[in-house]
């Protein structure tokens, strides 16, 4: 059977379309966009870039609203209970359920915005503080060695932000 140029072009087009579709599915699986409206609302409420908030949620909990870390951080934005209580009180919301997606997102965004304010908009410093605590972030900025976990965390956020930023 002889293949014409048209048939070859058709097969190539179908193959390219299949690769693109599989890549898109894999990308969506690796970088989910669950709770998009709630993420957008919380980011907007505190003047945060939406791709930054998505990246923090992705790095912290993988969009699992019931995630709990080994150290006890909980919810979508993986706040420690004390931090969550402080943020909830500051926002005037019932401490309620740390696993509630809106509470977790609002408190996490409030806290991230607070860290950005405390570090004069320095996103890297704010992310270090979000991950390792404000006192440790100040030590890192003063020259102490950044925890490996924190350095990896900041790199993950930067990478994810490029992905989430590309898709809006």
N, C-alpha and C. Protein backbone atom coordinates (compact mmCIF):
# COMPACT_ATOMS: atom_id res chain seq x y z
N UNK A 1 0.84 -1.17 0.00
CA UNK A 1 0.00 0.00 0.00
C UNK A 1 0.89 1.24 0.00
N UNK A 2 0.63 2.07 -0.94
CA UNK A 2 1.42 3.29 -1.12
C UNK A 2 0.78 4.44 -0.34
N UNK A 3 1.59 5.16 0.45
CA UNK A 3 1.07 6.28 1.22
C UNK A 3 1.30 7.57 0.44
N UNK A 4 0.26 8.35 0.36
CA UNK A 4 0.37 9.65 -0.31
C UNK A 4 0.82 10.69 0.71
N UNK A 5 1.25 11.80 0.22
CA UNK A 5 1.66 12.90 1.08
C UNK A 5 0.53 13.36 1.98
N UNK A 6 -0.69 13.32 1.45
CA UNK A 6 -1.86 13.73 2.22
C UNK A 6 -2.10 12.79 3.39
N UNK A 7 -1.97 11.47 3.14
CA UNK A 7 -2.17 10.50 4.22
C UNK A 7 -1.09 10.64 5.28
N UNK A 8 0.13 10.83 4.86
CA UNK A 8 1.23 11.01 5.81
C UNK A 8 0.98 12.24 6.67
N UNK A 9 0.58 13.33 6.04
CA UNK A 9 0.29 14.57 6.77
C UNK A 9 -0.85 14.35 7.76
N UNK A 10 -1.86 13.57 7.36
CA UNK A 10 -2.99 13.29 8.23
C UNK A 10 -2.53 12.48 9.44
N UNK A 11 -1.71 11.45 9.24
CA UNK A 11 -1.21 10.64 10.34
C UNK A 11 -0.34 11.46 11.30
N UNK A 12 0.48 12.31 10.75
CA UNK A 12 1.32 13.17 11.58
C UNK A 12 0.46 14.11 12.41
N UNK A 13 -0.57 14.69 11.79
CA UNK A 13 -1.48 15.59 12.49
C UNK A 13 -2.19 14.88 13.64
N UNK A 14 -2.68 13.69 13.38
CA UNK A 14 -3.36 12.90 14.41
C UNK A 14 -2.37 12.56 15.54
N UNK A 15 -1.16 12.18 15.20
CA UNK A 15 -0.16 11.84 16.21
C UNK A 15 0.19 13.06 17.07
N UNK A 16 0.38 14.20 16.45
CA UNK A 16 0.69 15.43 17.18
C UNK A 16 -0.46 15.81 18.10
N UNK A 17 -1.69 15.72 17.59
CA UNK A 17 -2.88 16.03 18.40
C UNK A 17 -2.96 15.09 19.61
N UNK A 18 -2.66 13.83 19.41
CA UNK A 18 -2.70 12.86 20.52
C UNK A 18 -1.65 13.20 21.57
N UNK A 19 -0.45 13.56 21.14
CA UNK A 19 0.62 13.93 22.07
C UNK A 19 0.22 15.18 22.86
N UNK A 20 -0.35 16.15 22.19
CA UNK A 20 -0.78 17.38 22.86
C UNK A 20 -1.86 17.08 23.89
N UNK A 21 -2.82 16.24 23.51
CA UNK A 21 -3.92 15.91 24.41
C UNK A 21 -3.40 15.15 25.63
N UNK A 22 -2.54 14.19 25.43
CA UNK A 22 -1.97 13.43 26.55
C UNK A 22 -1.14 14.34 27.45
N UNK A 23 -0.39 15.25 26.85
CA UNK A 23 0.41 16.19 27.64
C UNK A 23 -0.48 17.11 28.47
N UNK A 24 -1.57 17.58 27.88
CA UNK A 24 -2.49 18.46 28.60
C UNK A 24 -3.12 17.73 29.78
N UNK A 25 -3.51 16.49 29.58
CA UNK A 25 -4.10 15.69 30.65
C UNK A 25 -3.08 15.48 31.77
N UNK A 26 -1.86 15.17 31.40
CA UNK A 26 -0.80 14.97 32.41
C UNK A 26 -0.52 16.26 33.17
N UNK A 27 -0.50 17.38 32.47
CA UNK A 27 -0.25 18.66 33.11
C UNK A 27 -1.36 19.00 34.10
N UNK A 28 -2.60 18.76 33.70
CA UNK A 28 -3.74 19.02 34.59
C UNK A 28 -3.71 18.10 35.81
N UNK A 29 -3.25 16.89 35.62
CA UNK A 29 -3.15 15.96 36.76
C UNK A 29 -2.04 16.40 37.71
N UNK A 30 -0.93 16.87 37.16
CA UNK A 30 0.20 17.29 37.99
C UNK A 30 -0.03 18.64 38.66
N UNK A 31 -0.78 19.52 37.99
CA UNK A 31 -1.05 20.86 38.50
C UNK A 31 -2.55 21.12 38.49
N UNK A 32 -3.26 20.54 39.45
CA UNK A 32 -4.71 20.69 39.47
C UNK A 32 -5.13 22.14 39.72
N UNK A 33 -6.37 22.41 39.44
CA UNK A 33 -6.91 23.75 39.66
C UNK A 33 -8.25 23.64 40.40
N UNK A 34 -8.26 22.75 41.40
CA UNK A 34 -9.48 22.58 42.20
C UNK A 34 -9.77 23.86 42.96
N UNK A 35 -11.02 24.04 43.27
CA UNK A 35 -11.46 25.17 44.08
C UNK A 35 -11.10 26.52 43.46
N UNK A 36 -11.13 26.60 42.14
CA UNK A 36 -10.67 27.80 41.43
C UNK A 36 -11.37 29.07 41.92
N UNK A 37 -12.68 29.02 42.06
CA UNK A 37 -13.40 30.23 42.50
C UNK A 37 -12.99 30.63 43.91
N UNK A 38 -12.89 29.68 44.82
CA UNK A 38 -12.51 29.99 46.20
C UNK A 38 -11.07 30.51 46.27
N UNK A 39 -10.19 29.93 45.47
CA UNK A 39 -8.79 30.40 45.42
C UNK A 39 -8.76 31.83 44.90
N UNK A 40 -9.46 32.08 43.80
CA UNK A 40 -9.49 33.43 43.22
C UNK A 40 -10.05 34.45 44.21
N UNK A 41 -11.15 34.09 44.87
CA UNK A 41 -11.78 35.01 45.82
C UNK A 41 -10.83 35.36 46.96
N UNK A 42 -10.17 34.35 47.52
CA UNK A 42 -9.25 34.60 48.63
C UNK A 42 -8.04 35.40 48.17
N UNK A 43 -7.48 35.06 47.03
CA UNK A 43 -6.34 35.81 46.50
C UNK A 43 -6.72 37.27 46.27
N UNK A 44 -7.85 37.48 45.64
CA UNK A 44 -8.30 38.84 45.33
C UNK A 44 -8.58 39.64 46.61
N UNK A 45 -9.17 38.99 47.60
CA UNK A 45 -9.50 39.68 48.86
C UNK A 45 -8.26 40.29 49.50
N UNK A 46 -7.13 39.62 49.36
CA UNK A 46 -5.91 40.09 50.02
C UNK A 46 -4.88 40.65 49.03
N UNK A 47 -5.30 40.89 47.80
CA UNK A 47 -4.43 41.52 46.80
C UNK A 47 -3.26 40.66 46.38
N UNK A 48 -3.46 39.35 46.39
CA UNK A 48 -2.38 38.43 46.02
C UNK A 48 -2.55 37.96 44.59
N UNK A 49 -1.44 37.66 43.97
CA UNK A 49 -1.46 37.09 42.63
C UNK A 49 -2.08 35.70 42.69
N UNK A 50 -3.05 35.45 41.84
CA UNK A 50 -3.75 34.17 41.86
C UNK A 50 -2.82 32.98 41.60
N UNK A 51 -1.86 33.15 40.70
CA UNK A 51 -0.94 32.03 40.42
C UNK A 51 -0.04 31.75 41.62
N UNK A 52 0.27 32.77 42.41
CA UNK A 52 1.06 32.57 43.63
C UNK A 52 0.26 31.73 44.62
N UNK A 53 -1.00 32.09 44.82
CA UNK A 53 -1.83 31.35 45.78
C UNK A 53 -2.02 29.91 45.32
N UNK A 54 -2.30 29.70 44.03
CA UNK A 54 -2.44 28.33 43.51
C UNK A 54 -1.16 27.54 43.76
N UNK A 55 -0.03 28.18 43.55
CA UNK A 55 1.26 27.51 43.73
C UNK A 55 1.50 27.14 45.18
N UNK A 56 1.11 28.02 46.10
CA UNK A 56 1.26 27.71 47.52
C UNK A 56 0.36 26.54 47.89
N UNK A 57 -0.89 26.57 47.43
CA UNK A 57 -1.81 25.46 47.73
C UNK A 57 -1.26 24.16 47.14
N UNK A 58 -0.77 24.22 45.92
CA UNK A 58 -0.21 23.03 45.27
C UNK A 58 0.96 22.48 46.07
N UNK A 59 1.88 23.37 46.47
CA UNK A 59 3.07 22.92 47.21
C UNK A 59 2.73 22.46 48.62
N UNK A 60 1.77 23.11 49.24
CA UNK A 60 1.45 22.81 50.63
C UNK A 60 0.62 21.53 50.78
N UNK A 61 -0.46 21.43 50.02
CA UNK A 61 -1.41 20.33 50.25
C UNK A 61 -1.75 19.54 49.00
N UNK A 62 -1.26 19.97 47.84
CA UNK A 62 -1.65 19.30 46.61
C UNK A 62 -3.16 19.39 46.38
N UNK A 63 -3.77 20.47 46.88
CA UNK A 63 -5.21 20.72 46.76
C UNK A 63 -6.04 19.71 47.54
N UNK A 64 -5.45 19.11 48.58
CA UNK A 64 -6.18 18.20 49.46
C UNK A 64 -6.63 19.00 50.68
N UNK A 65 -7.92 19.30 50.74
CA UNK A 65 -8.47 20.13 51.82
C UNK A 65 -8.32 19.48 53.20
N UNK A 66 -8.09 18.17 53.24
CA UNK A 66 -7.98 17.46 54.52
C UNK A 66 -6.54 17.04 54.83
N UNK A 67 -5.58 17.64 54.14
CA UNK A 67 -4.18 17.31 54.36
C UNK A 67 -3.73 17.73 55.75
N UNK A 68 -2.87 16.90 56.34
CA UNK A 68 -2.25 17.20 57.63
C UNK A 68 -0.78 16.81 57.50
N UNK A 69 0.12 17.74 57.83
CA UNK A 69 1.54 17.45 57.74
C UNK A 69 2.02 16.71 58.98
N UNK A 70 3.25 16.21 58.91
CA UNK A 70 3.86 15.54 60.07
C UNK A 70 3.96 16.47 61.26
N UNK A 71 4.09 17.77 60.99
CA UNK A 71 4.25 18.75 62.07
C UNK A 71 2.91 19.31 62.56
N UNK A 72 1.81 18.91 61.91
CA UNK A 72 0.50 19.34 62.37
C UNK A 72 -0.14 20.46 61.58
N UNK A 73 0.52 20.93 60.52
CA UNK A 73 -0.10 21.94 59.66
C UNK A 73 -1.26 21.27 58.93
N UNK A 74 -2.36 22.02 58.76
CA UNK A 74 -3.57 21.41 58.24
C UNK A 74 -4.25 22.26 57.18
N UNK A 75 -5.09 21.59 56.38
CA UNK A 75 -5.92 22.27 55.39
C UNK A 75 -5.20 22.54 54.08
N UNK A 76 -5.91 23.21 53.20
CA UNK A 76 -5.37 23.51 51.87
C UNK A 76 -4.06 24.29 51.94
N UNK A 77 -4.00 25.25 52.85
CA UNK A 77 -2.82 26.11 52.92
C UNK A 77 -1.87 25.71 54.04
N UNK A 78 -2.15 24.55 54.66
CA UNK A 78 -1.25 23.95 55.65
C UNK A 78 -0.79 24.94 56.72
N UNK A 79 -1.76 25.47 57.42
CA UNK A 79 -1.45 26.37 58.53
C UNK A 79 -1.32 25.58 59.82
N UNK A 80 -0.39 26.00 60.65
CA UNK A 80 -0.29 25.43 61.99
C UNK A 80 -1.51 25.91 62.77
N UNK A 81 -2.00 25.11 63.72
CA UNK A 81 -3.20 25.49 64.45
C UNK A 81 -3.13 26.89 65.08
N UNK A 82 -1.98 27.25 65.66
CA UNK A 82 -1.85 28.57 66.28
C UNK A 82 -1.96 29.68 65.24
N UNK A 83 -1.34 29.47 64.09
CA UNK A 83 -1.39 30.46 63.03
C UNK A 83 -2.80 30.59 62.50
N UNK A 84 -3.46 29.47 62.33
CA UNK A 84 -4.84 29.48 61.87
C UNK A 84 -5.73 30.25 62.85
N UNK A 85 -5.58 29.98 64.14
CA UNK A 85 -6.39 30.67 65.15
C UNK A 85 -6.13 32.17 65.14
N UNK A 86 -4.86 32.57 65.01
CA UNK A 86 -4.51 33.99 64.93
C UNK A 86 -5.17 34.63 63.71
N UNK A 87 -5.06 33.98 62.57
CA UNK A 87 -5.62 34.54 61.34
C UNK A 87 -7.15 34.61 61.40
N UNK A 88 -7.77 33.55 61.90
CA UNK A 88 -9.23 33.53 62.01
C UNK A 88 -9.70 34.66 62.93
N UNK A 89 -9.02 34.85 64.06
CA UNK A 89 -9.39 35.92 64.99
C UNK A 89 -9.18 37.29 64.33
N UNK A 90 -8.09 37.44 63.60
CA UNK A 90 -7.80 38.71 62.92
C UNK A 90 -8.85 39.04 61.87
N UNK A 91 -9.38 38.00 61.23
CA UNK A 91 -10.38 38.19 60.18
C UNK A 91 -11.80 38.24 60.74
N UNK A 92 -11.94 37.95 62.02
CA UNK A 92 -13.26 37.96 62.63
C UNK A 92 -14.15 36.83 62.16
N UNK A 93 -13.51 35.71 61.83
CA UNK A 93 -14.31 34.54 61.44
C UNK A 93 -14.24 33.51 62.55
N UNK A 94 -15.27 32.72 62.62
CA UNK A 94 -15.32 31.64 63.60
C UNK A 94 -14.14 30.72 63.33
N UNK A 95 -13.42 30.35 64.37
CA UNK A 95 -12.27 29.46 64.19
C UNK A 95 -12.68 28.21 63.46
N UNK A 96 -13.87 27.76 63.76
CA UNK A 96 -14.49 26.67 63.00
C UNK A 96 -13.56 25.56 62.59
N UNK A 97 -13.68 25.18 61.39
CA UNK A 97 -13.02 24.01 60.84
C UNK A 97 -11.83 24.42 59.98
N UNK A 98 -10.64 24.06 60.41
CA UNK A 98 -9.43 24.39 59.65
C UNK A 98 -9.42 23.70 58.29
N UNK A 99 -10.23 22.65 58.16
CA UNK A 99 -10.29 21.92 56.90
C UNK A 99 -11.32 22.50 55.93
N UNK A 100 -12.08 23.49 56.38
CA UNK A 100 -13.02 24.17 55.48
C UNK A 100 -12.21 24.94 54.45
N UNK A 101 -12.48 24.70 53.17
CA UNK A 101 -11.63 25.28 52.12
C UNK A 101 -11.62 26.81 52.17
N UNK A 102 -12.78 27.45 52.39
CA UNK A 102 -12.80 28.91 52.42
C UNK A 102 -12.03 29.45 53.63
N UNK A 103 -12.22 28.83 54.79
CA UNK A 103 -11.48 29.27 55.98
C UNK A 103 -9.98 29.11 55.77
N UNK A 104 -9.56 27.96 55.27
CA UNK A 104 -8.14 27.71 55.05
C UNK A 104 -7.56 28.69 54.04
N UNK A 105 -8.27 28.90 52.94
CA UNK A 105 -7.77 29.82 51.90
C UNK A 105 -7.73 31.26 52.40
N UNK A 106 -8.78 31.69 53.07
CA UNK A 106 -8.80 33.08 53.57
C UNK A 106 -7.70 33.29 54.60
N UNK A 107 -7.57 32.36 55.54
CA UNK A 107 -6.55 32.51 56.57
C UNK A 107 -5.15 32.40 55.98
N UNK A 108 -4.95 31.46 55.06
CA UNK A 108 -3.65 31.32 54.42
C UNK A 108 -3.27 32.54 53.60
N UNK A 109 -4.23 33.08 52.87
CA UNK A 109 -3.95 34.28 52.07
C UNK A 109 -3.71 35.49 52.97
N UNK A 110 -4.48 35.59 54.05
CA UNK A 110 -4.25 36.66 55.01
C UNK A 110 -2.82 36.59 55.55
N UNK A 111 -2.41 35.38 55.94
CA UNK A 111 -1.08 35.20 56.51
C UNK A 111 0.01 35.46 55.46
N UNK A 112 -0.18 34.99 54.24
CA UNK A 112 0.80 35.24 53.19
C UNK A 112 0.91 36.74 52.90
N UNK A 113 -0.23 37.42 52.84
CA UNK A 113 -0.22 38.88 52.62
C UNK A 113 0.47 39.59 53.78
N UNK A 114 0.25 39.11 55.00
CA UNK A 114 0.91 39.68 56.17
C UNK A 114 2.43 39.52 56.06
N UNK A 115 2.87 38.33 55.65
CA UNK A 115 4.31 38.10 55.50
C UNK A 115 4.89 38.98 54.39
N UNK A 116 4.15 39.12 53.31
CA UNK A 116 4.62 40.01 52.23
C UNK A 116 4.75 41.45 52.75
N UNK A 117 3.80 41.88 53.57
CA UNK A 117 3.85 43.22 54.14
C UNK A 117 5.04 43.35 55.09
N UNK A 118 5.24 42.36 55.94
CA UNK A 118 6.35 42.41 56.91
C UNK A 118 7.72 42.39 56.24
N UNK A 119 7.79 41.79 55.06
CA UNK A 119 9.06 41.70 54.34
C UNK A 119 9.08 42.64 53.13
N UNK A 120 8.33 43.73 53.24
CA UNK A 120 8.32 44.80 52.23
C UNK A 120 8.12 44.29 50.80
N UNK A 121 7.24 43.31 50.64
CA UNK A 121 6.92 42.80 49.30
C UNK A 121 7.91 41.80 48.76
N UNK A 122 8.92 41.45 49.53
CA UNK A 122 9.92 40.47 49.08
C UNK A 122 9.27 39.09 49.11
N UNK A 123 8.90 38.62 47.93
CA UNK A 123 8.17 37.35 47.82
C UNK A 123 8.98 36.17 48.34
N UNK A 124 10.26 36.12 48.05
CA UNK A 124 11.10 35.01 48.52
C UNK A 124 11.13 34.99 50.05
N UNK A 125 11.33 36.13 50.65
CA UNK A 125 11.36 36.21 52.12
C UNK A 125 10.00 35.81 52.70
N UNK A 126 8.92 36.27 52.08
CA UNK A 126 7.58 35.93 52.57
C UNK A 126 7.32 34.44 52.46
N UNK A 127 7.77 33.83 51.38
CA UNK A 127 7.59 32.38 51.22
C UNK A 127 8.44 31.61 52.23
N UNK A 128 9.65 32.09 52.48
CA UNK A 128 10.48 31.44 53.50
C UNK A 128 9.78 31.54 54.86
N UNK A 129 9.20 32.69 55.16
CA UNK A 129 8.49 32.87 56.42
C UNK A 129 7.26 31.99 56.48
N UNK A 130 6.54 31.88 55.38
CA UNK A 130 5.35 31.04 55.35
C UNK A 130 5.72 29.59 55.64
N UNK A 131 6.85 29.16 55.11
CA UNK A 131 7.28 27.77 55.27
C UNK A 131 7.98 27.49 56.60
N UNK A 132 8.87 28.39 57.00
CA UNK A 132 9.73 28.10 58.15
C UNK A 132 9.49 29.01 59.34
N UNK A 133 8.59 29.96 59.19
CA UNK A 133 8.32 30.91 60.27
C UNK A 133 9.05 32.21 60.06
N UNK A 134 8.45 33.27 60.55
CA UNK A 134 9.01 34.61 60.36
C UNK A 134 10.40 34.75 60.97
N UNK A 135 10.60 34.23 62.17
CA UNK A 135 11.90 34.35 62.85
C UNK A 135 12.99 33.65 62.04
N UNK A 136 12.70 32.47 61.53
CA UNK A 136 13.70 31.76 60.72
C UNK A 136 13.98 32.51 59.42
N UNK A 137 12.95 33.05 58.79
CA UNK A 137 13.17 33.81 57.56
C UNK A 137 14.10 34.99 57.81
N UNK A 138 13.92 35.65 58.94
CA UNK A 138 14.80 36.79 59.27
C UNK A 138 16.25 36.31 59.49
N UNK A 139 16.41 35.14 60.07
CA UNK A 139 17.75 34.56 60.24
C UNK A 139 18.36 34.24 58.88
N UNK A 140 17.56 33.67 57.99
CA UNK A 140 18.06 33.35 56.64
C UNK A 140 18.53 34.63 55.94
N UNK A 141 17.72 35.67 56.05
CA UNK A 141 18.06 36.94 55.40
C UNK A 141 19.30 37.58 56.02
N UNK A 142 19.57 37.26 57.29
CA UNK A 142 20.75 37.79 57.97
C UNK A 142 22.01 36.97 57.68
N UNK A 143 21.85 35.88 56.90
CA UNK A 143 23.02 35.12 56.49
C UNK A 143 23.09 33.69 56.97
N UNK A 144 22.17 33.29 57.85
CA UNK A 144 22.17 31.89 58.27
C UNK A 144 21.74 31.01 57.10
N UNK A 145 22.20 29.78 57.13
CA UNK A 145 21.88 28.84 56.06
C UNK A 145 20.39 28.53 56.04
N UNK A 146 19.82 28.63 54.86
CA UNK A 146 18.40 28.35 54.68
C UNK A 146 18.20 26.84 54.80
N UNK A 147 17.16 26.44 55.54
CA UNK A 147 16.84 25.02 55.64
C UNK A 147 16.66 24.45 54.24
N UNK A 148 17.15 23.23 54.03
CA UNK A 148 17.02 22.58 52.73
C UNK A 148 15.54 22.50 52.32
N UNK A 149 14.68 22.13 53.27
CA UNK A 149 13.24 22.03 52.99
C UNK A 149 12.68 23.37 52.51
N UNK A 150 13.12 24.46 53.13
CA UNK A 150 12.63 25.79 52.77
C UNK A 150 13.14 26.20 51.39
N UNK A 151 14.41 25.93 51.11
CA UNK A 151 14.95 26.26 49.79
C UNK A 151 14.21 25.49 48.70
N UNK A 152 13.95 24.21 48.95
CA UNK A 152 13.21 23.39 48.00
C UNK A 152 11.79 23.92 47.83
N UNK A 153 11.17 24.31 48.93
CA UNK A 153 9.81 24.86 48.91
C UNK A 153 9.74 26.09 48.01
N UNK A 154 10.65 27.02 48.19
CA UNK A 154 10.66 28.25 47.39
C UNK A 154 10.85 27.91 45.91
N UNK A 155 11.72 26.96 45.60
CA UNK A 155 11.93 26.55 44.20
C UNK A 155 10.66 25.93 43.62
N UNK A 156 9.98 25.09 44.41
CA UNK A 156 8.73 24.47 43.96
C UNK A 156 7.68 25.54 43.65
N UNK A 157 7.58 26.53 44.51
CA UNK A 157 6.60 27.60 44.31
C UNK A 157 6.93 28.36 43.02
N UNK A 158 8.18 28.69 42.83
CA UNK A 158 8.57 29.42 41.61
C UNK A 158 8.25 28.62 40.35
N UNK A 159 8.54 27.34 40.38
CA UNK A 159 8.25 26.48 39.22
C UNK A 159 6.74 26.40 38.98
N UNK A 160 5.99 26.11 40.04
CA UNK A 160 4.54 25.98 39.89
C UNK A 160 3.92 27.30 39.45
N UNK A 161 4.47 28.40 39.91
CA UNK A 161 3.93 29.71 39.52
C UNK A 161 4.07 29.95 38.02
N UNK A 162 5.15 29.47 37.46
CA UNK A 162 5.31 29.59 36.00
C UNK A 162 4.21 28.80 35.29
N UNK A 163 3.95 27.60 35.78
CA UNK A 163 2.91 26.75 35.16
C UNK A 163 1.54 27.40 35.34
N UNK A 164 1.20 27.75 36.56
CA UNK A 164 -0.12 28.35 36.82
C UNK A 164 -0.26 29.70 36.15
N UNK A 165 0.84 30.46 36.09
CA UNK A 165 0.81 31.76 35.43
C UNK A 165 0.58 31.65 33.93
N UNK A 166 1.10 30.61 33.34
CA UNK A 166 0.94 30.38 31.90
C UNK A 166 -0.53 30.14 31.54
N UNK A 167 -1.24 29.45 32.43
CA UNK A 167 -2.63 29.12 32.15
C UNK A 167 -3.62 30.14 32.73
N UNK A 168 -3.08 31.17 33.37
CA UNK A 168 -3.97 32.23 33.87
C UNK A 168 -4.54 31.97 35.13
